[in-house]
N, C-alpha and C. Protein backbone atom coordinates (compact mmCIF):
# COMPACT_ATOMS: atom_id res chain seq x y z
N MET A 1 42.46 94.82 105.99
CA MET A 1 40.60 94.73 105.27
C MET A 1 39.79 95.14 105.96
N SER A 2 39.50 95.49 107.52
CA SER A 2 38.84 96.16 107.96
C SER A 2 38.62 97.53 107.72
N SER A 3 39.67 98.30 107.54
CA SER A 3 39.97 99.79 107.19
C SER A 3 39.43 100.10 105.68
N GLN A 4 38.88 98.85 104.96
CA GLN A 4 38.64 99.19 103.65
C GLN A 4 36.97 99.02 103.40
N LEU A 5 36.72 98.52 104.68
CA LEU A 5 34.80 98.26 104.67
C LEU A 5 34.41 99.53 105.43
N ASN A 6 33.28 99.97 105.10
CA ASN A 6 32.51 101.01 105.99
C ASN A 6 31.15 100.34 106.39
N PRO A 7 30.92 101.05 107.64
CA PRO A 7 29.77 100.11 108.65
C PRO A 7 28.58 99.47 108.21
N ALA A 8 28.11 100.05 107.07
CA ALA A 8 27.41 99.30 106.22
C ALA A 8 27.47 97.77 105.74
N LYS A 9 28.74 98.16 105.01
CA LYS A 9 29.28 96.57 104.62
C LYS A 9 29.42 95.66 105.45
N ASN A 10 30.22 96.42 106.56
CA ASN A 10 30.65 95.21 107.81
C ASN A 10 29.38 94.56 108.50
N PHE A 11 28.16 95.41 108.24
CA PHE A 11 26.74 94.93 108.94
C PHE A 11 26.45 94.11 107.96
N PHE A 12 26.36 94.13 106.38
CA PHE A 12 26.08 93.29 105.63
C PHE A 12 26.25 92.18 105.77
N ILE A 13 27.98 92.11 105.50
CA ILE A 13 28.82 90.90 105.80
C ILE A 13 28.34 90.24 106.96
N LEU A 14 27.92 90.94 108.15
CA LEU A 14 28.01 89.99 109.57
C LEU A 14 26.46 89.42 109.45
N LEU A 15 25.50 90.31 108.42
CA LEU A 15 24.25 89.29 108.49
C LEU A 15 24.35 88.50 107.38
N LEU A 16 25.08 88.48 106.38
CA LEU A 16 25.02 87.38 105.54
C LEU A 16 25.54 86.17 106.64
N GLY A 17 26.77 86.34 107.06
CA GLY A 17 27.62 85.29 107.48
C GLY A 17 26.36 84.91 108.55
N ALA A 18 25.75 85.60 109.17
CA ALA A 18 24.87 84.68 110.34
C ALA A 18 23.75 84.13 109.77
N GLY A 19 23.25 84.38 108.57
CA GLY A 19 22.36 83.50 107.87
C GLY A 19 22.87 82.35 107.45
N LEU A 20 24.64 82.20 106.74
CA LEU A 20 24.90 81.24 106.43
C LEU A 20 25.29 80.07 107.65
N ILE A 21 25.23 80.82 108.56
CA ILE A 21 25.89 79.83 109.52
C ILE A 21 24.36 79.24 110.26
N GLY A 22 23.38 80.06 110.27
CA GLY A 22 21.76 79.45 110.46
C GLY A 22 21.65 78.06 109.63
N LEU A 23 21.92 78.53 108.25
CA LEU A 23 21.87 76.98 107.40
C LEU A 23 22.57 75.60 107.37
N ALA A 24 23.89 76.17 108.08
CA ALA A 24 24.65 75.13 108.05
C ALA A 24 24.23 73.99 108.87
N PRO A 25 23.44 73.71 110.29
CA PRO A 25 22.95 72.53 110.90
C PRO A 25 22.09 71.76 109.52
N LEU A 26 21.41 72.66 108.74
CA LEU A 26 20.53 71.94 107.98
C LEU A 26 21.23 71.04 107.26
N PHE A 27 22.18 71.51 106.54
CA PHE A 27 22.78 70.62 105.65
C PHE A 27 23.65 69.39 106.16
N VAL A 28 23.94 69.54 107.41
CA VAL A 28 24.66 68.77 108.25
C VAL A 28 23.60 67.50 108.22
N ARG A 29 22.76 68.05 109.27
CA ARG A 29 21.40 66.99 108.91
C ARG A 29 21.10 66.12 107.72
N TRP A 30 21.16 66.87 106.70
CA TRP A 30 20.91 66.07 105.34
C TRP A 30 22.31 65.25 104.78
N SER A 31 23.49 65.72 105.42
CA SER A 31 24.52 65.10 104.63
C SER A 31 24.26 63.49 104.90
N GLU A 32 24.98 62.45 103.63
CA GLU A 32 25.03 61.35 103.79
C GLU A 32 26.40 60.66 104.58
N LEU A 33 27.24 61.93 104.72
CA LEU A 33 28.31 61.32 105.35
C LEU A 33 28.50 61.67 106.74
N SER A 34 29.72 61.33 107.73
CA SER A 34 29.74 60.84 109.24
C SER A 34 30.07 62.53 109.60
N PRO A 35 29.66 62.60 110.81
CA PRO A 35 29.75 63.89 111.25
C PRO A 35 31.39 64.60 111.23
N SER A 36 32.48 64.27 111.21
CA SER A 36 33.55 64.58 111.16
C SER A 36 34.24 64.68 109.76
N TRP A 37 33.29 63.60 109.06
CA TRP A 37 33.91 64.00 107.22
C TRP A 37 33.12 65.30 107.00
N ILE A 38 31.76 65.63 107.72
CA ILE A 38 31.67 66.79 107.27
C ILE A 38 32.44 68.26 107.83
N LEU A 39 32.74 68.14 108.81
CA LEU A 39 33.81 68.88 109.60
C LEU A 39 35.18 69.00 108.64
N PHE A 40 35.65 67.82 108.23
CA PHE A 40 36.89 67.92 107.22
C PHE A 40 36.46 68.69 106.09
N TYR A 41 35.28 68.41 105.10
CA TYR A 41 35.05 68.97 104.05
C TYR A 41 34.73 70.50 103.83
N ARG A 42 34.11 71.02 105.33
CA ARG A 42 33.59 72.31 105.72
C ARG A 42 34.86 72.98 105.59
N MET A 43 36.37 72.53 106.29
CA MET A 43 37.29 73.35 106.20
C MET A 43 38.15 73.07 105.00
N PHE A 44 37.98 72.08 104.40
CA PHE A 44 39.17 71.46 103.05
C PHE A 44 38.47 72.64 102.02
N LEU A 45 37.00 72.59 101.73
CA LEU A 45 36.88 73.39 100.45
C LEU A 45 36.81 74.71 100.80
N ALA A 46 36.99 75.26 101.84
CA ALA A 46 37.05 76.81 102.35
C ALA A 46 38.43 77.34 102.15
N LEU A 47 39.79 76.21 102.42
CA LEU A 47 40.93 76.54 102.32
C LEU A 47 41.34 77.11 101.10
N PRO A 48 41.03 76.63 99.97
CA PRO A 48 41.49 77.62 98.66
C PRO A 48 40.87 79.09 98.71
N PHE A 49 39.61 79.10 99.15
CA PHE A 49 39.10 80.31 98.74
C PHE A 49 39.81 81.47 99.86
N LEU A 50 40.28 80.81 101.33
CA LEU A 50 40.74 81.77 102.16
C LEU A 50 42.15 81.82 101.68
N ALA A 51 43.00 81.21 100.78
CA ALA A 51 44.22 81.55 100.43
C ALA A 51 44.02 82.72 99.37
N LEU A 52 43.19 82.59 98.64
CA LEU A 52 43.17 83.43 97.41
C LEU A 52 42.78 84.84 98.09
N ILE A 53 41.94 85.09 99.16
CA ILE A 53 41.34 86.50 99.87
C ILE A 53 42.49 86.79 100.76
N ASN A 54 43.45 85.90 101.05
CA ASN A 54 44.78 85.82 102.07
C ASN A 54 45.73 86.89 101.05
N ILE A 55 46.29 86.16 99.88
CA ILE A 55 46.88 86.97 98.45
C ILE A 55 46.41 88.25 98.55
N TYR A 56 45.15 88.07 98.15
CA TYR A 56 44.69 89.28 97.55
C TYR A 56 44.66 90.65 98.48
N PHE A 57 44.58 90.51 99.79
CA PHE A 57 44.52 91.48 100.72
C PHE A 57 45.97 91.63 101.47
N ASN A 58 46.25 90.67 101.83
CA ASN A 58 47.76 90.75 102.29
C ASN A 58 48.99 90.64 101.49
N LYS A 59 48.82 90.32 100.14
CA LYS A 59 49.89 90.49 99.20
C LYS A 59 50.96 89.79 99.65
N LYS A 60 52.33 89.94 99.59
CA LYS A 60 53.63 89.77 100.13
C LYS A 60 53.73 89.57 101.53
N GLN A 61 52.53 90.01 102.52
CA GLN A 61 52.52 89.46 103.72
C GLN A 61 51.44 88.04 104.07
N ALA A 62 51.16 87.88 102.66
CA ALA A 62 49.87 86.49 102.85
C ALA A 62 50.88 85.47 103.70
N PHE A 63 50.28 84.98 104.64
CA PHE A 63 50.70 83.45 105.35
C PHE A 63 52.14 84.00 106.12
N LYS A 64 52.39 85.00 106.32
CA LYS A 64 53.53 85.40 107.32
C LYS A 64 53.18 85.90 108.45
N LEU A 65 53.61 85.22 109.61
CA LEU A 65 53.07 85.68 111.01
C LEU A 65 54.33 86.40 111.64
N GLN A 66 53.97 87.41 112.71
CA GLN A 66 54.91 88.08 113.07
C GLN A 66 55.81 87.47 114.40
N ASN A 67 55.14 86.40 114.63
CA ASN A 67 55.36 85.72 116.15
C ASN A 67 55.53 84.06 115.71
N SER A 68 56.62 83.62 115.75
CA SER A 68 56.77 82.17 115.85
C SER A 68 55.66 81.40 116.23
N LYS A 69 55.33 82.02 117.81
CA LYS A 69 54.64 81.26 118.68
C LYS A 69 52.82 81.48 118.32
N SER A 70 52.76 82.05 117.25
CA SER A 70 51.43 82.33 116.87
C SER A 70 50.94 81.33 116.22
N LEU A 71 51.94 80.32 115.30
CA LEU A 71 51.85 79.26 114.63
C LEU A 71 50.81 77.96 115.61
N LEU A 72 51.72 78.11 116.76
CA LEU A 72 51.41 76.63 117.68
C LEU A 72 50.16 77.31 118.35
N PHE A 73 49.78 78.69 118.66
CA PHE A 73 48.47 78.93 119.26
C PHE A 73 47.40 78.96 117.93
N ALA A 74 47.39 79.33 116.65
CA ALA A 74 46.78 78.78 115.66
C ALA A 74 46.75 77.13 116.02
N ALA A 75 47.42 76.67 115.96
CA ALA A 75 47.18 74.84 115.93
C ALA A 75 46.47 74.44 117.38
N ILE A 76 46.72 75.02 118.51
CA ILE A 76 45.95 74.77 119.62
C ILE A 76 44.35 75.26 119.10
N ALA A 77 44.05 76.85 118.79
CA ALA A 77 42.75 77.00 118.18
C ALA A 77 42.08 75.92 117.45
N GLY A 78 42.94 75.95 116.59
CA GLY A 78 42.33 74.77 115.51
C GLY A 78 41.85 73.15 116.15
N LEU A 79 42.25 72.88 116.96
CA LEU A 79 42.34 71.58 118.08
C LEU A 79 40.90 72.09 118.32
N ALA A 80 40.93 73.13 119.18
CA ALA A 80 39.39 73.29 119.88
C ALA A 80 38.41 73.55 119.12
N PHE A 81 38.42 74.48 117.92
CA PHE A 81 37.56 74.40 116.73
C PHE A 81 37.13 73.43 116.25
N ALA A 82 37.94 72.22 115.87
CA ALA A 82 37.79 70.69 115.51
C ALA A 82 37.16 69.89 116.60
N THR A 83 37.21 70.08 117.94
CA THR A 83 36.38 69.50 118.73
C THR A 83 34.99 70.01 118.68
N ASP A 84 35.10 71.32 118.83
CA ASP A 84 34.14 71.93 118.92
C ASP A 84 33.03 71.74 117.59
N MET A 85 33.46 72.12 116.16
CA MET A 85 32.81 71.32 115.58
C MET A 85 32.23 70.08 115.45
N SER A 86 33.10 69.07 115.43
CA SER A 86 32.43 67.69 115.81
C SER A 86 31.73 67.36 116.65
N ALA A 87 31.76 67.94 117.98
CA ALA A 87 30.61 67.46 118.70
C ALA A 87 29.22 68.05 118.44
N TRP A 88 29.25 69.30 117.93
CA TRP A 88 28.16 69.93 117.17
C TRP A 88 27.16 69.60 116.34
N HIS A 89 27.86 68.73 115.16
CA HIS A 89 27.48 68.01 114.26
C HIS A 89 27.37 66.59 114.91
N TRP A 90 27.86 65.77 115.46
CA TRP A 90 27.65 64.80 116.20
C TRP A 90 25.80 65.17 116.88
N SER A 91 25.84 66.33 117.90
CA SER A 91 24.73 66.61 118.44
C SER A 91 23.21 66.70 117.87
N ILE A 92 23.71 67.25 116.48
CA ILE A 92 22.70 67.27 115.53
C ILE A 92 22.07 65.98 114.84
N GLN A 93 22.92 65.23 115.41
CA GLN A 93 22.35 63.44 115.24
C GLN A 93 21.40 63.28 116.02
N PHE A 94 21.41 63.48 117.43
CA PHE A 94 20.68 63.12 118.42
C PHE A 94 19.98 63.89 119.22
N THR A 95 19.99 65.02 118.61
CA THR A 95 18.91 66.12 119.42
C THR A 95 18.35 67.23 118.31
N SER A 96 17.22 68.04 118.11
CA SER A 96 17.04 68.97 117.37
C SER A 96 18.08 70.06 116.82
N ILE A 97 17.51 70.28 115.86
CA ILE A 97 18.48 71.25 115.25
C ILE A 97 18.53 72.38 116.09
N ALA A 98 17.25 72.86 116.37
CA ALA A 98 17.12 74.03 117.02
C ALA A 98 17.59 74.34 118.49
N LYS A 99 17.64 73.05 119.28
CA LYS A 99 18.23 73.03 120.73
C LYS A 99 19.80 73.06 120.69
N SER A 100 20.31 71.92 119.65
CA SER A 100 21.54 71.85 119.51
C SER A 100 21.98 73.28 119.24
N THR A 101 21.51 73.96 118.12
CA THR A 101 22.27 75.28 117.67
C THR A 101 22.16 76.35 118.95
N ILE A 102 20.83 76.47 119.26
CA ILE A 102 20.79 77.47 120.75
C ILE A 102 21.41 77.49 121.82
N ILE A 103 22.01 76.16 122.01
CA ILE A 103 22.81 75.68 123.30
C ILE A 103 24.34 76.07 123.15
N VAL A 104 24.49 75.65 121.63
CA VAL A 104 25.71 76.05 121.08
C VAL A 104 26.21 77.69 121.14
N ASN A 105 25.26 78.24 121.01
CA ASN A 105 25.66 79.63 120.78
C ASN A 105 25.32 80.16 122.60
N THR A 106 25.57 79.36 123.41
CA THR A 106 25.75 79.97 124.59
C THR A 106 27.41 80.32 124.97
N ALA A 107 27.97 80.07 123.97
CA ALA A 107 29.55 79.97 124.09
C ALA A 107 30.02 81.31 124.53
N PRO A 108 29.52 82.54 124.64
CA PRO A 108 30.10 83.74 124.99
C PRO A 108 29.93 83.59 126.54
N ILE A 109 28.81 82.86 127.23
CA ILE A 109 28.99 82.94 128.10
C ILE A 109 30.32 82.18 129.14
N TYR A 110 30.62 81.43 128.45
CA TYR A 110 31.83 80.41 128.99
C TYR A 110 33.25 81.39 128.58
N VAL A 111 33.18 82.39 127.31
CA VAL A 111 34.09 83.07 127.27
C VAL A 111 34.60 83.96 128.66
N VAL A 112 33.50 84.37 128.77
CA VAL A 112 33.63 85.34 130.04
C VAL A 112 34.22 84.50 131.24
N ILE A 113 33.51 83.37 131.69
CA ILE A 113 34.16 82.11 132.67
C ILE A 113 35.22 82.05 132.70
N LEU A 114 35.81 81.55 131.78
CA LEU A 114 37.11 81.47 131.49
C LEU A 114 38.25 82.66 131.28
N GLY A 115 37.77 83.66 131.12
CA GLY A 115 38.26 84.87 131.11
C GLY A 115 38.66 85.25 132.57
N VAL A 116 37.46 85.28 133.42
CA VAL A 116 37.89 85.28 134.61
C VAL A 116 38.59 84.35 135.47
N PHE A 117 38.62 83.04 135.28
CA PHE A 117 39.44 82.15 135.85
C PHE A 117 41.16 82.12 135.22
N LEU A 118 41.48 82.35 133.80
CA LEU A 118 42.45 82.47 133.05
C LEU A 118 43.16 83.62 133.07
N PHE A 119 42.57 84.68 132.94
CA PHE A 119 43.09 85.96 132.95
C PHE A 119 42.40 87.08 133.77
N LYS A 120 41.91 86.48 135.05
CA LYS A 120 41.32 87.43 136.25
C LYS A 120 40.49 88.63 135.49
N GLU A 121 40.05 88.27 134.81
CA GLU A 121 38.83 89.77 134.40
C GLU A 121 37.68 89.93 135.34
N SER A 122 37.19 90.97 135.23
CA SER A 122 36.24 90.99 136.36
C SER A 122 34.78 90.64 135.88
N VAL A 123 33.79 90.52 136.59
CA VAL A 123 32.49 90.24 135.91
C VAL A 123 31.45 91.28 136.68
N SER A 124 30.69 91.99 135.63
CA SER A 124 29.51 92.76 136.06
C SER A 124 28.73 91.76 136.70
N LYS A 125 27.91 92.68 137.27
CA LYS A 125 26.47 92.19 137.87
C LYS A 125 25.72 92.06 136.48
N GLN A 126 25.67 92.89 135.47
CA GLN A 126 24.69 92.30 134.42
C GLN A 126 25.29 90.89 133.48
N PHE A 127 26.49 90.81 133.85
CA PHE A 127 26.73 89.33 133.19
C PHE A 127 25.73 88.40 134.18
N LEU A 128 25.99 88.42 135.43
CA LEU A 128 25.51 87.47 136.51
C LEU A 128 23.99 87.34 135.83
N LEU A 129 23.42 88.52 135.62
CA LEU A 129 21.94 88.46 135.56
C LEU A 129 21.35 87.64 133.94
N SER A 130 22.52 87.92 132.95
CA SER A 130 22.36 87.67 131.98
C SER A 130 22.86 85.94 131.40
N PHE A 131 23.66 85.65 132.80
CA PHE A 131 24.27 83.88 132.76
C PHE A 131 22.79 83.39 133.77
N ALA A 132 22.28 83.94 134.26
CA ALA A 132 21.02 83.38 134.90
C ALA A 132 19.82 83.12 133.84
N LEU A 133 19.78 84.17 133.00
CA LEU A 133 18.50 84.35 132.04
C LEU A 133 18.92 83.31 131.22
N THR A 134 19.99 83.49 130.66
CA THR A 134 20.56 82.30 129.68
C THR A 134 20.26 81.07 130.09
N TYR A 135 20.67 80.70 131.32
CA TYR A 135 20.64 79.09 131.38
C TYR A 135 19.64 78.84 132.10
N THR A 136 18.61 79.49 132.36
CA THR A 136 17.06 79.28 132.46
C THR A 136 16.25 79.13 131.38
N GLY A 137 16.85 79.74 130.17
CA GLY A 137 16.18 79.62 128.89
C GLY A 137 16.50 78.13 128.29
N VAL A 138 17.99 78.06 128.62
CA VAL A 138 18.15 76.54 127.83
C VAL A 138 17.67 75.59 128.72
N PHE A 139 17.66 75.37 130.34
CA PHE A 139 17.02 74.32 131.08
C PHE A 139 15.52 74.49 130.38
N GLY A 140 14.89 75.15 130.43
CA GLY A 140 13.41 75.38 129.84
C GLY A 140 13.64 74.96 128.80
N LEU A 141 14.41 75.13 127.73
CA LEU A 141 14.08 74.41 126.26
C LEU A 141 14.37 72.88 126.34
N VAL A 142 15.27 72.59 127.42
CA VAL A 142 15.44 71.49 127.32
C VAL A 142 14.64 70.24 128.07
N TYR A 143 13.98 70.68 128.94
CA TYR A 143 13.07 70.17 129.94
C TYR A 143 11.89 70.39 129.51
N PHE A 144 11.17 71.21 128.75
CA PHE A 144 9.97 71.38 128.32
C PHE A 144 10.02 70.85 126.63
N SER A 145 11.22 70.64 126.11
CA SER A 145 11.03 70.36 124.44
C SER A 145 10.04 69.15 124.05
N ASN A 146 9.18 69.52 123.01
CA ASN A 146 8.30 68.37 122.71
C ASN A 146 9.17 67.46 121.56
N THR A 147 10.41 67.57 121.46
CA THR A 147 11.15 66.65 120.55
C THR A 147 12.26 65.60 121.48
N ILE A 148 11.90 65.34 122.54
CA ILE A 148 12.83 64.51 123.40
C ILE A 148 12.55 62.90 122.75
N THR A 149 13.78 62.69 122.10
CA THR A 149 13.85 61.36 121.43
C THR A 149 14.86 60.70 122.63
N GLU A 150 15.13 59.25 121.64
CA GLU A 150 16.45 58.39 122.73
C GLU A 150 17.74 59.22 122.24
N GLY A 151 18.24 59.05 123.12
CA GLY A 151 20.02 60.03 122.83
C GLY A 151 19.52 61.50 122.66
N ALA A 152 18.47 62.01 122.89
CA ALA A 152 18.38 63.53 123.05
C ALA A 152 19.24 63.99 123.93
N LEU A 153 19.32 63.70 125.12
CA LEU A 153 20.11 64.64 126.27
C LEU A 153 21.67 64.04 126.21
N LEU A 154 22.25 63.18 125.51
CA LEU A 154 23.36 63.05 124.86
C LEU A 154 23.33 64.32 123.76
N GLY A 155 23.09 64.07 122.63
CA GLY A 155 22.89 65.20 121.61
C GLY A 155 23.07 67.00 122.60
N ASP A 156 22.18 67.20 123.62
CA ASP A 156 22.43 68.22 124.30
C ASP A 156 23.69 68.40 125.16
N ALA A 157 24.20 67.41 125.59
CA ALA A 157 25.55 67.29 126.43
C ALA A 157 26.54 67.78 125.32
N LEU A 158 26.33 67.10 124.19
CA LEU A 158 27.63 67.37 123.05
C LEU A 158 27.49 68.76 122.81
N ALA A 159 26.28 69.54 122.96
CA ALA A 159 26.20 70.84 122.22
C ALA A 159 26.79 71.74 123.31
N LEU A 160 26.55 71.51 124.65
CA LEU A 160 27.32 72.02 125.81
C LEU A 160 28.87 72.01 125.34
N MET A 161 29.11 70.70 125.45
CA MET A 161 30.53 70.42 125.15
C MET A 161 31.39 71.32 123.89
N ALA A 162 30.23 71.75 122.85
CA ALA A 162 30.59 72.45 121.90
C ALA A 162 30.95 73.69 122.24
N ALA A 163 29.92 74.28 122.69
CA ALA A 163 29.87 75.41 123.41
C ALA A 163 31.22 75.96 124.00
N PHE A 164 31.60 75.30 124.79
CA PHE A 164 32.71 75.44 125.99
C PHE A 164 34.11 75.35 124.66
N MET A 165 34.27 74.28 124.08
CA MET A 165 35.17 74.50 123.05
C MET A 165 35.32 75.54 122.37
N TYR A 166 34.20 76.25 121.72
CA TYR A 166 34.18 77.35 120.59
C TYR A 166 34.58 78.44 121.34
N ALA A 167 34.25 78.60 122.85
CA ALA A 167 34.67 79.36 123.92
C ALA A 167 35.86 79.67 123.71
N THR A 168 36.60 78.36 124.09
CA THR A 168 38.21 78.04 124.29
C THR A 168 39.08 78.69 122.92
N TYR A 169 38.30 78.62 121.88
CA TYR A 169 38.55 78.60 120.68
C TYR A 169 39.03 80.31 120.60
N LEU A 170 37.97 81.02 120.73
CA LEU A 170 37.69 82.34 120.81
C LEU A 170 38.47 82.98 121.58
N LEU A 171 38.79 82.33 123.13
CA LEU A 171 39.65 82.84 123.80
C LEU A 171 41.12 83.27 123.43
N ILE A 172 41.53 81.86 122.65
CA ILE A 172 42.83 81.74 122.05
C ILE A 172 43.02 82.59 120.89
N ILE A 173 42.18 82.67 119.88
CA ILE A 173 42.22 83.84 118.93
C ILE A 173 42.16 85.27 119.38
N SER A 174 41.75 85.42 120.67
CA SER A 174 42.01 87.02 120.81
C SER A 174 43.37 87.58 121.37
N LYS A 175 43.92 86.15 121.66
CA LYS A 175 45.23 86.49 122.25
C LYS A 175 46.42 86.45 120.77
N LEU A 176 45.64 86.38 119.51
CA LEU A 176 46.72 86.89 118.25
C LEU A 176 46.52 88.10 117.81
N GLY A 177 45.60 89.00 118.42
CA GLY A 177 45.28 90.37 117.89
C GLY A 177 46.52 90.85 116.66
N LYS A 178 47.63 91.14 117.36
CA LYS A 178 48.82 91.52 116.44
C LYS A 178 49.04 90.95 114.89
N GLU A 179 48.45 89.92 114.87
CA GLU A 179 48.57 89.20 113.71
C GLU A 179 47.41 89.63 112.59
N SER A 180 47.38 89.23 111.26
CA SER A 180 46.49 89.51 110.49
C SER A 180 45.49 88.58 110.46
N SER A 181 44.35 89.15 110.55
CA SER A 181 42.96 88.25 110.72
C SER A 181 43.05 87.13 109.75
N ILE A 182 42.87 87.62 108.30
CA ILE A 182 43.19 86.57 107.62
C ILE A 182 44.00 85.39 107.24
N ASN A 183 45.13 85.88 107.87
CA ASN A 183 46.08 84.91 107.86
C ASN A 183 45.68 83.90 109.34
N ILE A 184 45.35 84.29 110.56
CA ILE A 184 45.03 83.43 111.53
C ILE A 184 43.84 83.03 111.21
N ILE A 185 42.92 83.20 110.20
CA ILE A 185 41.58 82.38 109.74
C ILE A 185 42.12 80.97 109.01
N PHE A 186 43.20 81.47 107.93
CA PHE A 186 43.80 80.46 107.33
C PHE A 186 44.28 79.38 108.13
N TYR A 187 45.13 79.94 108.97
CA TYR A 187 45.88 78.99 109.77
C TYR A 187 45.12 77.87 110.64
N THR A 188 44.17 78.86 111.40
CA THR A 188 43.05 77.90 112.17
C THR A 188 42.29 76.71 110.97
N THR A 189 41.94 77.82 110.12
CA THR A 189 40.95 76.58 109.01
C THR A 189 42.02 75.16 108.54
N LEU A 190 43.00 75.45 108.55
CA LEU A 190 44.12 74.53 108.07
C LEU A 190 44.28 73.76 109.33
N PHE A 191 44.38 73.81 110.25
CA PHE A 191 44.84 72.81 111.39
C PHE A 191 43.24 71.78 112.00
N THR A 192 41.96 73.02 111.55
CA THR A 192 41.28 72.29 112.23
C THR A 192 40.71 71.00 111.06
N CYS A 193 41.00 71.68 109.71
CA CYS A 193 41.08 70.88 108.66
C CYS A 193 41.90 69.22 109.14
N LEU A 194 43.01 69.39 109.40
CA LEU A 194 43.93 68.64 109.35
C LEU A 194 43.27 67.71 110.89
N PHE A 195 42.94 68.26 112.04
CA PHE A 195 42.62 67.67 113.25
C PHE A 195 41.24 66.72 112.80
N GLY A 196 40.29 67.47 112.21
CA GLY A 196 39.08 66.86 112.05
C GLY A 196 39.26 66.01 111.26
N LEU A 197 40.55 65.45 110.36
CA LEU A 197 40.70 63.90 109.66
C LEU A 197 40.80 62.84 110.29
N ILE A 198 41.18 62.91 111.58
CA ILE A 198 41.90 62.17 112.67
C ILE A 198 40.26 61.39 112.91
N PRO A 199 39.36 62.11 113.60
CA PRO A 199 37.75 61.53 114.12
C PRO A 199 37.35 61.04 112.81
N ALA A 200 37.41 61.46 111.49
CA ALA A 200 36.64 61.04 110.21
C ALA A 200 37.13 59.65 109.95
N LEU A 201 38.41 59.57 109.95
CA LEU A 201 38.90 58.43 109.81
C LEU A 201 38.53 57.17 110.61
N ILE A 202 38.27 57.64 111.82
CA ILE A 202 38.00 56.67 112.88
C ILE A 202 36.33 56.31 112.52
N GLU A 203 35.68 57.34 112.36
CA GLU A 203 34.26 56.97 112.08
C GLU A 203 33.95 56.27 111.01
N SER A 204 34.50 56.42 109.89
CA SER A 204 33.85 55.91 108.55
C SER A 204 35.06 56.03 107.69
N ARG A 205 35.19 54.89 106.85
CA ARG A 205 35.90 54.95 105.51
C ARG A 205 35.23 55.72 103.97
N ASP A 206 34.03 55.58 104.92
CA ASP A 206 33.23 56.61 103.45
C ASP A 206 33.55 57.62 103.57
N PHE A 207 34.51 58.71 102.47
CA PHE A 207 34.47 59.68 102.37
C PHE A 207 34.06 60.59 101.49
N LEU A 208 32.87 59.81 100.44
CA LEU A 208 31.94 60.52 99.75
C LEU A 208 31.10 59.69 100.09
N PRO A 209 29.97 60.54 99.40
CA PRO A 209 28.38 60.02 99.75
C PRO A 209 28.39 58.68 98.55
N THR A 210 27.60 58.10 99.12
CA THR A 210 27.19 57.00 98.31
C THR A 210 26.06 56.88 97.12
N SER A 211 25.45 57.82 97.52
CA SER A 211 24.08 57.85 96.43
C SER A 211 24.36 58.51 95.19
N LYS A 212 24.14 58.03 94.05
CA LYS A 212 24.29 58.69 92.89
C LYS A 212 23.32 59.56 92.61
N ILE A 213 23.92 60.23 91.82
CA ILE A 213 23.25 61.76 91.24
C ILE A 213 22.34 61.29 89.98
N ARG A 214 21.26 61.41 89.67
CA ARG A 214 20.35 60.53 88.40
C ARG A 214 20.22 61.66 87.72
N ASP A 215 20.50 61.10 86.25
CA ASP A 215 20.32 62.37 85.01
C ASP A 215 19.00 62.45 85.16
N ILE A 216 19.00 64.12 84.77
CA ILE A 216 17.65 64.56 84.48
C ILE A 216 17.23 64.83 83.11
């Protein structure tokens, strides 16, 4: 798929994706459903579109994996992503959207740290400097925030947990580079949907919004 897109289109798609991700926490805060039900529907509603995209680009190779173990890794990645998304959604309920989102986006730091411990990758001095600057900023954001409310620290802690789990998800996905990216996205979304259903059922039996839409 990537070979069919020129750099300008890639940049536009990246910009569009970043913008949509930026809007996501706003809708999470506005939703009447519990955080894990929101996670479930985010994955569930995406599946039909991912399936159609998969069939369109991969044709006969749609949904086919080269290695049987790839499905297991996709399931583990789905579990990590479900934990990440659920923790992030809960974080938004306790702390500000801005703080939660910024903390979650420290995930690349954890990617490098996990890469060092798990895959013995080297760390540059520039990374150490960026690590120090990043967490100085995060600490300052949390400490000097003027939106401190009851449970805010819990929300910040959940956001940190979400960042760590997102880093875990990214590392697992990186080991599936030989597989079709669309296939991997489809399967990880499917498993995230299934794993997200478990906490959703525990949190609430209300799987649909309770408010009624008024006739205009």
